[in-house]
Amino acid sequence: MDTVINRFRSGHDNAHHLLDVFAYQLRAFEHGRTPDMLLMRDILDCLNRYAAIGEDAYEGELIDALTRANGDFASARLVLTTEHAAITELGRRCLGLIEDMVGGIVYSRSELLIPGQRYVRIYQAHLRRERAYLHQHRDTNSGTAAQYVYQPLPKDPMAEFTDLSERITQATTHLATDEFGLSVCAACGTDTAAAGDTLLTAE
């Protein structure tokens, strides 16, 4: 069970960082700057894989493992997987818009900003709720837990994006100056003090 929870925590760290960078890119777009659309696309793709539902769903499989090990987690499972469905649906909509824009289709800024900003908000709220459930059940054990700890666990989505951490670092370390003379990230148009410090990890 500890192995599953550690996987969750690693995934949470990655998701928080990806959401921060995605939000910075959206803020750049909102203020008339040109964000890195290819980076946004891959960040969103990776985030969507963390929250995916159905077969090979990363967090879904981890939640199932916790539920098998501890029946008390079943109520949490219903809440979290329902949120996963909502996040995934909105994420697909945002990803479709970004892919269209990469392909040259022109949309008004609000077409992406409104669902994109909502995606960030509900994903962040979901991570807070998920962390609370994990904290609540961290000390809970059962006689059946051990047999599930050693079952194969799903592959971390970050493993599919081998250069994403490097690309984020590059995007957030090249500084420019905005109209107020402040140092900003050239790609995302925001203060980079907190953006590039945390490296993404893959299990």
C-alpha atoms as a PDB file:
ATOM      1  CA  MET A   1       0.000   0.000   0.000  1.00  0.00           C
ATOM      2  CA  ASP A   2       2.907   2.341   0.733  1.00  0.00           C
ATOM      3  CA  THR A   3       4.158   1.767  -2.820  1.00  0.00           C
ATOM      4  CA  VAL A   4       0.819   2.890  -4.266  1.00  0.00           C
ATOM      5  CA  ILE A   5       0.675   5.965  -2.038  1.00  0.00           C
ATOM      6  CA  ASN A   6       4.234   6.896  -2.990  1.00  0.00           C
ATOM      7  CA  ARG A   7       3.230   6.640  -6.646  1.00  0.00           C
ATOM      8  CA  PHE A   8       0.301   8.956  -5.932  1.00  0.00           C
ATOM      9  CA  ARG A   9       2.541  11.500  -4.251  1.00  0.00           C
ATOM     10  CA  SER A  10       5.013  11.477  -7.117  1.00  0.00           C
ATOM     11  CA  GLY A  11       2.158  11.927  -9.572  1.00  0.00           C
ATOM     12  CA  HIS A  12       0.768  14.788  -7.497  1.00  0.00           C
ATOM     13  CA  ASP A  13       4.117  16.580  -7.544  1.00  0.00           C
ATOM     14  CA  ASN A  14       4.282  16.246 -11.309  1.00  0.00           C
ATOM     15  CA  ALA A  15       0.673  17.331 -11.832  1.00  0.00           C
ATOM     16  CA  HIS A  16       1.063  20.401  -9.602  1.00  0.00           C
ATOM     17  CA  HIS A  17       4.139  21.512 -11.516  1.00  0.00           C
ATOM     18  CA  LEU A  18       2.555  20.861 -14.905  1.00  0.00           C
ATOM     19  CA  LEU A  19      -0.562  22.799 -13.890  1.00  0.00           C
ATOM     20  CA  ASP A  20       1.580  25.730 -12.750  1.00  0.00           C
ATOM     21  CA  VAL A  21       3.395  25.913 -16.065  1.00  0.00           C
ATOM     22  CA  PHE A  22       0.157  25.470 -18.025  1.00  0.00           C
ATOM     23  CA  ALA A  23      -1.452  28.279 -16.005  1.00  0.00           C
ATOM     24  CA  TYR A  24       1.544  30.548 -16.739  1.00  0.00           C
ATOM     25  CA  GLN A  25       1.183  29.848 -20.435  1.00  0.00           C
ATOM     26  CA  LEU A  26      -2.525  30.687 -20.277  1.00  0.00           C
ATOM     27  CA  ARG A  27      -1.700  33.929 -18.494  1.00  0.00           C
ATOM     28  CA  ALA A  28       0.704  34.834 -21.280  1.00  0.00           C
ATOM     29  CA  PHE A  29      -2.028  34.194 -23.825  1.00  0.00           C
ATOM     30  CA  GLU A  30      -4.487  36.276 -21.804  1.00  0.00           C
ATOM     31  CA  HIS A  31      -2.074  39.234 -21.829  1.00  0.00           C
ATOM     32  CA  GLY A  32      -1.460  39.110 -25.553  1.00  0.00           C
ATOM     33  CA  ARG A  33       1.842  37.258 -25.530  1.00  0.00           C
ATOM     34  CA  THR A  34       2.519  34.153 -27.606  1.00  0.00           C
ATOM     35  CA  PRO A  35       2.746  31.036 -25.443  1.00  0.00           C
ATOM     36  CA  ASP A  36       4.543  27.854 -26.414  1.00  0.00           C
ATOM     37  CA  MET A  37       1.591  25.987 -27.892  1.00  0.00           C
ATOM     38  CA  LEU A  38       3.530  22.770 -28.470  1.00  0.00           C
ATOM     39  CA  LEU A  39       4.607  22.739 -24.831  1.00  0.00           C
ATOM     40  CA  MET A  40       1.042  23.475 -23.727  1.00  0.00           C
ATOM     41  CA  ARG A  41      -0.217  20.606 -25.863  1.00  0.00           C
ATOM     42  CA  ASP A  42       2.180  18.075 -24.354  1.00  0.00           C
ATOM     43  CA  ILE A  43       1.610  19.308 -20.790  1.00  0.00           C
ATOM     44  CA  LEU A  44      -2.129  18.965 -21.240  1.00  0.00           C
ATOM     45  CA  ASP A  45      -1.752  15.547 -22.840  1.00  0.00           C
ATOM     46  CA  CYS A  46       0.330  14.363 -19.877  1.00  0.00           C
ATOM     47  CA  LEU A  47      -2.108  15.832 -17.328  1.00  0.00           C
ATOM     48  CA  ASN A  48      -5.011  14.151 -19.086  1.00  0.00           C
ATOM     49  CA  ARG A  49      -3.251  10.794 -18.840  1.00  0.00           C
ATOM     50  CA  TYR A  50      -2.928  11.172 -15.071  1.00  0.00           C
ATOM     51  CA  ALA A  51      -6.672  11.755 -14.788  1.00  0.00           C
ATOM     52  CA  ALA A  52      -7.733   9.316 -17.512  1.00  0.00           C
ATOM     53  CA  ILE A  53     -10.575   6.883 -16.978  1.00  0.00           C
ATOM     54  CA  GLY A  54     -11.117   3.407 -18.352  1.00  0.00           C
ATOM     55  CA  GLU A  55      -8.422   0.861 -19.155  1.00  0.00           C
ATOM     56  CA  ASP A  56      -4.802   1.762 -18.414  1.00  0.00           C
ATOM     57  CA  ALA A  57      -5.879   4.807 -16.393  1.00  0.00           C
ATOM     58  CA  TYR A  58      -2.916   5.673 -14.194  1.00  0.00           C
ATOM     59  CA  GLU A  59      -4.578   7.145 -11.126  1.00  0.00           C
ATOM     60  CA  GLY A  60      -7.665   5.014 -11.668  1.00  0.00           C
ATOM     61  CA  GLU A  61      -5.578   1.862 -11.315  1.00  0.00           C
ATOM     62  CA  LEU A  62      -3.843   3.230  -8.221  1.00  0.00           C
ATOM     63  CA  ILE A  63      -7.222   4.056  -6.680  1.00  0.00           C
ATOM     64  CA  ASP A  64      -8.440   0.538  -7.481  1.00  0.00           C
ATOM     65  CA  ALA A  65      -5.360  -0.899  -5.765  1.00  0.00           C
ATOM     66  CA  LEU A  66      -6.046   1.180  -2.640  1.00  0.00           C
ATOM     67  CA  THR A  67      -9.681   0.116  -2.656  1.00  0.00           C
ATOM     68  CA  ARG A  68      -8.786  -3.564  -2.901  1.00  0.00           C
ATOM     69  CA  ALA A  69      -6.320  -3.175  -0.042  1.00  0.00           C
ATOM     70  CA  ASN A  70      -8.692  -1.143   2.105  1.00  0.00           C
ATOM     71  CA  GLY A  71     -12.449  -1.381   1.635  1.00  0.00           C
ATOM     72  CA  ASP A  72     -12.912   1.903   3.496  1.00  0.00           C
ATOM     73  CA  PHE A  73     -11.437   3.682   0.486  1.00  0.00           C
ATOM     74  CA  ALA A  74     -14.451   2.715  -1.663  1.00  0.00           C
ATOM     75  CA  SER A  75     -16.390   5.907  -0.910  1.00  0.00           C
ATOM     76  CA  ALA A  76     -13.356   7.997  -1.809  1.00  0.00           C
ATOM     77  CA  ARG A  77     -12.980   6.003  -5.021  1.00  0.00           C
ATOM     78  CA  LEU A  78     -16.472   7.012  -6.179  1.00  0.00           C
ATOM     79  CA  VAL A  79     -15.813  10.704  -5.596  1.00  0.00           C
ATOM     80  CA  LEU A  80     -12.344  10.722  -7.171  1.00  0.00           C
ATOM     81  CA  THR A  81     -13.201   8.704 -10.270  1.00  0.00           C
ATOM     82  CA  THR A  82     -16.251  10.917 -10.883  1.00  0.00           C
ATOM     83  CA  GLU A  83     -13.955  13.933 -10.784  1.00  0.00           C
ATOM     84  CA  HIS A  84     -11.543  12.173 -13.117  1.00  0.00           C
ATOM     85  CA  ALA A  85     -14.323  11.857 -15.680  1.00  0.00           C
ATOM     86  CA  ALA A  86     -15.110  15.589 -15.510  1.00  0.00           C
ATOM     87  CA  ILE A  87     -11.435  16.579 -15.698  1.00  0.00           C
ATOM     88  CA  THR A  88     -10.792  14.258 -18.640  1.00  0.00           C
ATOM     89  CA  GLU A  89     -13.779  15.561 -20.597  1.00  0.00           C
ATOM     90  CA  LEU A  90     -12.731  19.190 -20.155  1.00  0.00           C
ATOM     91  CA  GLY A  91      -9.092  18.321 -20.817  1.00  0.00           C
ATOM     92  CA  ARG A  92      -9.968  16.727 -24.139  1.00  0.00           C
ATOM     93  CA  ARG A  93     -11.851  19.854 -25.137  1.00  0.00           C
ATOM     94  CA  CYS A  94      -8.860  22.067 -24.299  1.00  0.00           C
ATOM     95  CA  LEU A  95      -6.441  19.718 -26.030  1.00  0.00           C
ATOM     96  CA  GLY A  96      -8.578  19.760 -29.168  1.00  0.00           C
ATOM     97  CA  LEU A  97      -8.535  23.565 -29.213  1.00  0.00           C
ATOM     98  CA  ILE A  98      -4.763  23.692 -28.756  1.00  0.00           C
ATOM     99  CA  GLU A  99      -4.189  21.124 -31.499  1.00  0.00           C
ATOM    100  CA  ASP A 100      -6.404  23.171 -33.822  1.00  0.00           C
ATOM    101  CA  MET A 101      -4.417  26.310 -33.006  1.00  0.00           C
ATOM    102  CA  VAL A 102      -1.126  24.492 -33.603  1.00  0.00           C
ATOM    103  CA  GLY A 103      -2.594  23.474 -36.963  1.00  0.00           C
ATOM    104  CA  GLY A 104      -3.324  27.098 -37.856  1.00  0.00           C
ATOM    105  CA  ILE A 105      -6.983  27.478 -36.923  1.00  0.00           C
ATOM    106  CA  VAL A 106      -7.699  30.878 -35.389  1.00  0.00           C
ATOM    107  CA  TYR A 107      -9.880  31.184 -32.291  1.00  0.00           C
ATOM    108  CA  SER A 108     -10.630  34.120 -30.040  1.00  0.00           C
ATOM    109  CA  ARG A 109      -8.563  34.073 -26.849  1.00  0.00           C
ATOM    110  CA  SER A 110     -11.610  33.350 -24.710  1.00  0.00           C
ATOM    111  CA  GLU A 111     -12.277  30.116 -26.613  1.00  0.00           C
ATOM    112  CA  LEU A 112      -9.216  28.600 -24.942  1.00  0.00           C
ATOM    113  CA  LEU A 113      -8.846  30.772 -21.853  1.00  0.00           C
ATOM    114  CA  ILE A 114     -12.248  30.058 -20.319  1.00  0.00           C
ATOM    115  CA  PRO A 115     -12.101  26.223 -20.447  1.00  0.00           C
ATOM    116  CA  GLY A 116      -8.325  26.246 -19.840  1.00  0.00           C
ATOM    117  CA  GLN A 117      -8.557  28.303 -16.658  1.00  0.00           C
ATOM    118  CA  ARG A 118     -11.490  26.209 -15.468  1.00  0.00           C
ATOM    119  CA  TYR A 119      -9.476  23.052 -16.149  1.00  0.00           C
ATOM    120  CA  VAL A 120      -6.658  24.335 -13.944  1.00  0.00           C
ATOM    121  CA  ARG A 121      -9.068  25.223 -11.123  1.00  0.00           C
ATOM    122  CA  ILE A 122     -10.941  21.926 -11.027  1.00  0.00           C
ATOM    123  CA  TYR A 123      -7.743  19.888 -11.414  1.00  0.00           C
ATOM    124  CA  GLN A 124      -6.102  21.732  -8.506  1.00  0.00           C
ATOM    125  CA  ALA A 125      -9.206  21.235  -6.358  1.00  0.00           C
ATOM    126  CA  HIS A 126      -9.207  17.549  -7.256  1.00  0.00           C
ATOM    127  CA  LEU A 127      -5.562  17.156  -6.233  1.00  0.00           C
ATOM    128  CA  ARG A 128      -6.289  18.787  -2.872  1.00  0.00           C
ATOM    129  CA  ARG A 129      -9.212  16.427  -2.274  1.00  0.00           C
ATOM    130  CA  GLU A 130      -7.206  13.411  -3.388  1.00  0.00           C
ATOM    131  CA  ARG A 131      -4.331  14.337  -1.082  1.00  0.00           C
ATOM    132  CA  ALA A 132      -6.778  14.671   1.814  1.00  0.00           C
ATOM    133  CA  TYR A 133      -8.157  11.186   1.166  1.00  0.00           C
ATOM    134  CA  LEU A 134      -4.655   9.751   0.995  1.00  0.00           C
ATOM    135  CA  HIS A 135      -3.708  11.467   4.244  1.00  0.00           C
ATOM    136  CA  GLN A 136      -6.848  10.115   5.890  1.00  0.00           C
ATOM    137  CA  HIS A 137      -6.060   6.535   4.880  1.00  0.00           C
ATOM    138  CA  ARG A 138      -2.264   6.579   5.122  1.00  0.00           C
ATOM    139  CA  ASP A 139      -2.161   4.657   8.400  1.00  0.00           C
ATOM    140  CA  THR A 140      -4.903   2.214   7.516  1.00  0.00           C
ATOM    141  CA  ASN A 141      -3.902  -1.362   6.815  1.00  0.00           C
ATOM    142  CA  SER A 142      -5.713  -4.646   6.347  1.00  0.00           C
ATOM    143  CA  GLY A 143      -4.823  -8.286   6.155  1.00  0.00           C
ATOM    144  CA  THR A 144      -5.298  -8.291   2.388  1.00  0.00           C
ATOM    145  CA  ALA A 145      -3.137  -5.245   1.659  1.00  0.00           C
ATOM    146  CA  ALA A 146       0.154  -7.079   1.157  1.00  0.00           C
ATOM    147  CA  GLN A 147      -1.043  -9.191  -1.747  1.00  0.00           C
ATOM    148  CA  TYR A 148      -1.796  -6.075  -3.801  1.00  0.00           C
ATOM    149  CA  VAL A 149       1.324  -4.066  -3.117  1.00  0.00           C
ATOM    150  CA  TYR A 150       3.395  -6.364  -5.305  1.00  0.00           C
ATOM    151  CA  GLN A 151       0.998  -6.484  -8.231  1.00  0.00           C
ATOM    152  CA  PRO A 152       2.242  -4.663 -11.343  1.00  0.00           C
ATOM    153  CA  LEU A 153       1.441  -0.968 -11.135  1.00  0.00           C
ATOM    154  CA  PRO A 154       0.612   1.237 -14.132  1.00  0.00           C
ATOM    155  CA  LYS A 155       3.335   3.095 -16.005  1.00  0.00           C
ATOM    156  CA  ASP A 156       3.716   6.726 -14.966  1.00  0.00           C
ATOM    157  CA  PRO A 157       2.525   9.040 -17.788  1.00  0.00           C
ATOM    158  CA  MET A 158       5.712  11.097 -17.452  1.00  0.00           C
ATOM    159  CA  ALA A 159       7.608   8.135 -18.887  1.00  0.00           C
ATOM    160  CA  GLU A 160       5.956   8.899 -22.243  1.00  0.00           C
ATOM    161  CA  PHE A 161       7.253  12.490 -22.202  1.00  0.00           C
ATOM    162  CA  THR A 162      10.974  12.004 -21.742  1.00  0.00           C
ATOM    163  CA  ASP A 163      12.013  15.552 -22.671  1.00  0.00           C
ATOM    164  CA  LEU A 164       9.143  17.465 -21.062  1.00  0.00           C
ATOM    165  CA  SER A 165      11.063  18.463 -17.950  1.00  0.00           C
ATOM    166  CA  GLU A 166      13.930  19.806 -20.063  1.00  0.00           C
ATOM    167  CA  ARG A 167      11.559  21.750 -22.313  1.00  0.00           C
ATOM    168  CA  ILE A 168       9.843  23.313 -19.298  1.00  0.00           C
ATOM    169  CA  THR A 169      13.198  24.297 -17.864  1.00  0.00           C
ATOM    170  CA  GLN A 170      14.211  25.901 -21.157  1.00  0.00           C
ATOM    171  CA  ALA A 171      10.911  27.757 -21.438  1.00  0.00           C
ATOM    172  CA  THR A 172      11.123  29.149 -17.934  1.00  0.00           C
ATOM    173  CA  THR A 173      14.785  30.137 -17.798  1.00  0.00           C
ATOM    174  CA  HIS A 174      15.052  32.346 -20.879  1.00  0.00           C
ATOM    175  CA  LEU A 175      14.187  35.740 -19.473  1.00  0.00           C
ATOM    176  CA  ALA A 176      12.856  38.791 -21.237  1.00  0.00           C
ATOM    177  CA  THR A 177      11.571  42.148 -20.038  1.00  0.00           C
ATOM    178  CA  ASP A 178       7.923  43.112 -20.063  1.00  0.00           C
ATOM    179  CA  GLU A 179       6.426  46.548 -20.643  1.00  0.00           C
ATOM    180  CA  PHE A 180       7.032  47.432 -16.983  1.00  0.00           C
ATOM    181  CA  GLY A 181      10.708  46.515 -17.093  1.00  0.00           C
ATOM    182  CA  LEU A 182      10.204  43.359 -15.048  1.00  0.00           C
ATOM    183  CA  SER A 183      11.979  40.101 -15.836  1.00  0.00           C
ATOM    184  CA  VAL A 184       9.545  37.599 -17.243  1.00  0.00           C
ATOM    185  CA  CYS A 185       9.667  34.236 -18.923  1.00  0.00           C
ATOM    186  CA  ALA A 186       9.831  34.823 -22.669  1.00  0.00           C
ATOM    187  CA  ALA A 187       7.572  31.823 -23.308  1.00  0.00           C
ATOM    188  CA  CYS A 188       4.971  32.363 -20.627  1.00  0.00           C
ATOM    189  CA  GLY A 189       5.140  36.039 -19.745  1.00  0.00           C
ATOM    190  CA  THR A 190       5.237  35.641 -15.999  1.00  0.00           C
ATOM    191  CA  ASP A 191       7.676  35.769 -13.113  1.00  0.00           C
ATOM    192  CA  THR A 192       9.865  32.666 -13.308  1.00  0.00           C
ATOM    193  CA  ALA A 193      10.973  32.537  -9.697  1.00  0.00           C
ATOM    194  CA  ALA A 194       8.895  29.452  -8.912  1.00  0.00           C
ATOM    195  CA  ALA A 195       8.323  28.051 -12.368  1.00  0.00           C
ATOM    196  CA  GLY A 196      11.494  26.165 -13.187  1.00  0.00           C
ATOM    197  CA  ASP A 197      12.767  25.007  -9.824  1.00  0.00           C
ATOM    198  CA  THR A 198      11.012  21.660  -9.473  1.00  0.00           C
ATOM    199  CA  LEU A 199      12.015  18.801 -11.736  1.00  0.00           C
ATOM    200  CA  LEU A 200       9.398  16.361 -12.912  1.00  0.00           C
ATOM    201  CA  THR A 201       9.862  12.746 -11.914  1.00  0.00           C
ATOM    202  CA  ALA A 202       8.776   9.480 -13.429  1.00  0.00           C
ATOM    203  CA  GLU A 203       8.622   6.202 -11.574  1.00  0.00           C
END
